Protein backbone atom coordinates (compact mmCIF):
# COMPACT_ATOMS: atom_id res chain seq x y z
CA MET A 1 -17.18 -27.00 -13.46
CA SER A 2 -18.01 -24.62 -10.64
CA GLU A 3 -21.68 -23.66 -10.44
CA LEU A 4 -20.78 -20.01 -9.80
CA PRO A 5 -17.64 -19.24 -11.85
CA ALA A 6 -15.39 -16.40 -10.83
CA ALA A 7 -16.16 -12.95 -12.10
CA PRO A 8 -13.87 -11.92 -14.98
CA ASP A 9 -11.77 -9.74 -12.67
CA GLN A 10 -11.37 -12.37 -9.94
CA THR A 11 -8.04 -14.20 -9.72
CA ILE A 12 -7.08 -17.12 -7.50
CA HIS A 13 -3.59 -16.44 -6.16
CA VAL A 14 -1.78 -19.68 -5.28
CA VAL A 15 1.20 -19.08 -3.00
CA ASP A 16 3.28 -22.22 -2.34
CA ASP A 17 6.98 -23.07 -2.60
CA ASP A 18 6.14 -26.57 -3.91
CA GLU A 19 6.38 -26.33 -7.70
CA ALA A 20 4.49 -29.58 -8.28
CA LEU A 21 1.60 -28.41 -6.12
CA ARG A 22 1.50 -25.00 -7.84
CA ASP A 23 1.41 -26.68 -11.24
CA SER A 24 -1.32 -29.14 -10.27
CA MET A 25 -3.42 -26.41 -8.63
CA THR A 26 -3.07 -24.18 -11.67
CA TRP A 27 -4.04 -27.00 -14.02
CA MET A 28 -7.02 -28.00 -11.88
CA LEU A 29 -8.35 -24.47 -11.34
CA GLU A 30 -7.88 -23.31 -14.91
CA GLY A 31 -9.60 -26.51 -16.04
CA ASN A 32 -12.59 -25.41 -13.96
CA GLY A 33 -12.76 -21.99 -15.58
CA TYR A 34 -10.82 -19.90 -13.06
CA HIS A 35 -8.08 -17.35 -13.67
CA VAL A 36 -4.98 -18.33 -11.68
CA ALA A 37 -1.71 -16.65 -10.71
CA ALA A 38 0.94 -18.73 -8.94
CA TYR A 39 3.84 -17.58 -6.73
CA ASP A 40 6.74 -19.54 -5.28
CA SER A 41 7.05 -17.40 -2.15
CA ALA A 42 5.22 -14.95 0.07
CA GLU A 43 7.68 -12.28 -1.00
CA ALA A 44 6.81 -12.81 -4.68
CA PHE A 45 3.12 -12.33 -3.97
CA LEU A 46 3.72 -9.21 -1.86
CA ALA A 47 5.65 -7.68 -4.74
CA VAL A 48 2.47 -7.54 -6.84
CA CYS A 49 -0.20 -7.34 -4.14
CA ARG A 50 -2.58 -4.37 -4.26
CA PRO A 51 -5.48 -3.51 -1.94
CA ASP A 52 -7.88 -3.41 -4.90
CA MET A 53 -7.18 -6.98 -6.06
CA ALA A 54 -10.25 -9.18 -6.57
CA GLY A 55 -10.38 -12.91 -5.96
CA CYS A 56 -8.80 -14.95 -3.17
CA VAL A 57 -5.54 -16.45 -1.93
CA VAL A 58 -4.69 -20.14 -1.48
CA LEU A 59 -1.72 -20.03 0.86
CA ASP A 60 0.67 -22.66 2.19
CA VAL A 61 1.30 -22.39 5.92
CA ARG A 62 4.98 -23.36 5.83
CA MET A 63 7.35 -21.79 3.31
CA PRO A 64 11.04 -20.77 3.35
CA GLY A 65 11.52 -17.11 4.20
CA MET A 66 8.24 -15.45 5.10
CA SER A 67 5.73 -18.06 6.24
CA GLY A 68 2.11 -18.20 5.16
CA LEU A 69 0.99 -16.94 8.55
CA GLU A 70 3.39 -14.01 8.38
CA LEU A 71 2.13 -13.18 4.89
CA PHE A 72 -1.46 -13.33 6.13
CA GLU A 73 -0.67 -10.87 8.91
CA GLU A 74 1.14 -8.57 6.48
CA LEU A 75 -1.87 -8.57 4.15
CA GLY A 76 -3.96 -7.40 7.07
CA ARG A 77 -1.54 -4.55 7.76
CA ARG A 78 -1.73 -3.57 4.09
CA ARG A 79 -5.53 -3.60 4.19
CA CYS A 80 -5.66 -6.30 1.53
CA SER A 81 -9.03 -7.94 2.14
CA LEU A 82 -8.68 -10.94 -0.17
CA PRO A 83 -10.19 -14.05 1.49
CA VAL A 84 -7.52 -16.61 2.38
CA VAL A 85 -7.60 -20.41 2.49
CA PHE A 86 -4.59 -22.11 4.03
CA ILE A 87 -3.06 -25.35 2.80
CA THR A 88 -1.67 -27.32 5.72
CA GLY A 89 0.15 -30.50 6.59
CA HIS A 90 -1.17 -32.53 9.51
CA GLY A 91 1.23 -30.89 11.97
CA ASP A 92 0.21 -27.40 10.86
CA VAL A 93 -3.44 -27.63 11.91
CA PRO A 94 -2.99 -25.67 15.20
CA MET A 95 -1.38 -22.84 13.22
CA ALA A 96 -4.21 -22.91 10.71
CA VAL A 97 -6.79 -22.74 13.48
CA SER A 98 -4.95 -19.72 14.86
CA ALA A 99 -5.21 -18.09 11.43
CA LEU A 100 -8.97 -18.74 11.38
CA LYS A 101 -9.29 -16.78 14.60
CA LYS A 102 -7.53 -13.89 12.88
CA GLY A 103 -9.88 -13.87 9.90
CA ALA A 104 -8.84 -16.59 7.45
CA VAL A 105 -11.80 -18.26 5.73
CA ASP A 106 -10.73 -21.87 6.25
CA PHE A 107 -7.91 -24.36 5.86
CA ILE A 108 -7.56 -27.63 3.97
CA GLU A 109 -5.21 -30.48 4.85
CA LYS A 110 -2.92 -32.21 2.37
CA PRO A 111 -3.74 -34.37 0.51
CA PHE A 112 -7.04 -32.77 -0.46
CA SER A 113 -9.64 -33.61 -3.06
CA GLU A 114 -10.45 -31.43 -6.06
CA ARG A 115 -14.07 -31.21 -4.90
CA ASP A 116 -13.14 -29.95 -1.44
CA MET A 117 -10.72 -27.36 -2.83
CA LEU A 118 -13.25 -26.09 -5.37
CA ARG A 119 -15.86 -25.80 -2.62
CA LEU A 120 -13.54 -23.61 -0.54
CA ILE A 121 -12.51 -21.56 -3.57
CA GLU A 122 -16.11 -20.76 -4.45
CA GLN A 123 -16.85 -19.90 -0.82
CA CYS A 124 -13.97 -17.42 -0.89
CA LEU A 125 -14.94 -15.89 -4.22
CA GLN A 126 -18.55 -15.45 -3.16
CA LEU A 127 -17.40 -13.80 0.07
CA GLU A 128 -15.09 -11.48 -1.87
CA ARG A 129 -17.91 -10.49 -4.23
CA GLU A 130 -20.18 -9.72 -1.28
CA ASN A 131 -17.48 -7.72 0.50
CA ARG A 132 -16.76 -5.74 -2.65
CA ASP A 133 -20.45 -4.95 -3.13
CA LYS A 134 -20.63 -3.83 0.48
CA ARG A 135 -17.62 -1.52 0.05
CA ARG A 136 -19.18 -0.03 -3.07
CA LEU A 137 -22.44 0.60 -1.24
CA GLU A 138 -20.58 2.22 1.65
CA ALA A 139 -18.62 4.48 -0.71
CA ASP A 140 -21.78 5.46 -2.59
CA THR A 141 -23.67 6.15 0.63
CA ALA A 142 -20.81 8.28 2.02
CA ARG A 143 -20.75 10.27 -1.21
CA ARG A 144 -24.51 10.82 -1.10
CA LEU A 145 -24.36 11.93 2.55
CA GLU A 146 -21.81 14.58 1.64
CA HIS A 147 -24.26 16.10 -0.83
CA LEU A 148 -26.99 16.68 1.75
CA THR A 149 -27.52 20.22 2.98
CA GLN A 150 -27.16 20.88 6.71
CA ARG A 151 -30.96 20.97 7.14
CA GLU A 152 -31.42 17.78 5.12
CA ARG A 153 -28.84 16.09 7.32
CA GLU A 154 -30.68 17.23 10.44
CA VAL A 155 -33.92 15.82 9.07
CA LEU A 156 -32.16 12.57 8.12
CA ASP A 157 -30.72 12.11 11.61
CA LEU A 158 -34.19 12.48 13.12
CA ILE A 159 -35.75 10.13 10.57
CA ILE A 160 -33.13 7.50 11.36
CA VAL A 161 -34.00 7.45 15.07
CA GLY A 162 -37.71 7.05 14.29
CA LYS A 163 -39.10 10.57 14.67
CA LEU A 164 -42.37 11.32 12.88
CA ASN A 165 -42.76 14.39 10.66
CA LYS A 166 -44.60 16.32 13.40
CA GLN A 167 -41.87 15.51 15.92
CA ILE A 168 -39.16 16.54 13.46
CA ALA A 169 -41.00 19.82 12.83
CA ASP A 170 -41.17 20.50 16.58
CA VAL A 171 -37.48 19.70 17.13
CA LEU A 172 -36.26 21.84 14.23
CA GLY A 173 -38.84 24.60 14.60
CA ILE A 174 -40.12 24.27 11.03
CA SER A 175 -43.47 23.41 9.49
CA ILE A 176 -44.58 19.86 8.76
CA LYS A 177 -44.82 20.81 5.09
CA THR A 178 -41.18 21.88 5.12
CA VAL A 179 -40.23 18.60 6.79
CA GLU A 180 -42.05 16.71 4.05
CA VAL A 181 -40.12 18.61 1.37
CA HIS A 182 -36.78 17.93 3.08
CA ARG A 183 -37.72 14.31 3.64
CA ALA A 184 -38.50 13.82 -0.05
CA ARG A 185 -35.18 15.41 -1.02
CA VAL A 186 -33.30 13.21 1.43
CA MET A 187 -34.91 10.07 0.00
CA GLU A 188 -34.06 11.18 -3.54
CA LYS A 189 -30.45 12.16 -2.80
CA MET A 190 -29.81 8.96 -0.85
CA GLY A 191 -31.30 6.82 -3.61
CA ALA A 192 -33.66 5.12 -1.16
CA ASN A 193 -37.11 3.83 -2.07
CA SER A 194 -38.28 3.18 1.49
CA LEU A 195 -37.52 4.13 5.07
CA ALA A 196 -36.05 0.69 5.68
CA GLU A 197 -33.69 1.08 2.72
CA LEU A 198 -32.69 4.55 3.90
CA VAL A 199 -31.83 3.28 7.37
CA GLN A 200 -29.92 0.31 5.95
CA HIS A 201 -27.82 2.56 3.72
CA VAL A 202 -26.92 4.98 6.50
CA VAL A 203 -26.02 2.40 9.13
CA THR A 204 -23.58 0.74 6.70
CA VAL A 205 -21.32 3.78 7.02
CA GLU A 206 -22.50 5.12 10.38
CA PRO A 207 -23.21 2.12 12.66
CA GLY A 208 -23.96 4.40 15.59
CA ALA A 209 -26.64 6.39 13.75
CA LEU A 210 -29.49 4.50 15.43
CA LEU A 211 -28.12 5.33 18.88
CA ARG A 212 -28.23 9.10 18.54
């Protein structure tokens, strides 16, 4: 069994034209507690693919019709961020390496062991969980930023670049006491318990904030 089983909403999507491989992968993964969906072509997977899917994709490099590499590129165009592991034959390694450079997580050569496949699957699922958490944090931070008043946003921008309360008061032409009030409101609205947490939240959605 995997030490970190997939979250209930995570699905491993196996895309391979080899029916025997699809069946064995499904049997192996379901036996290890994972939810699996199998597809006999890239086109079949694209027909159900949504940007909000959770889990990962195990993808054969060579398939009739749309190849695995072409599917991978199409997923990128559709902003589908599911981590991808490629299954390759020996002669497909250069193509798999090319896919790694474009963002695939890894590739595994046939024949592969159950242990090696499970290791890659868990790596992908953990990455997908982390990416999803990051997207949620970014969305929450963006929403919180929108609820700041203009003055609170001005104070926030100066806090982010390291200005002290007295310096902020001088820049904005307000009293230190007023700065303190705005600062407290900013911390509350942004859901931050410390300056470090505040900065971390803001730079997730505004990477250039520290350079202002």
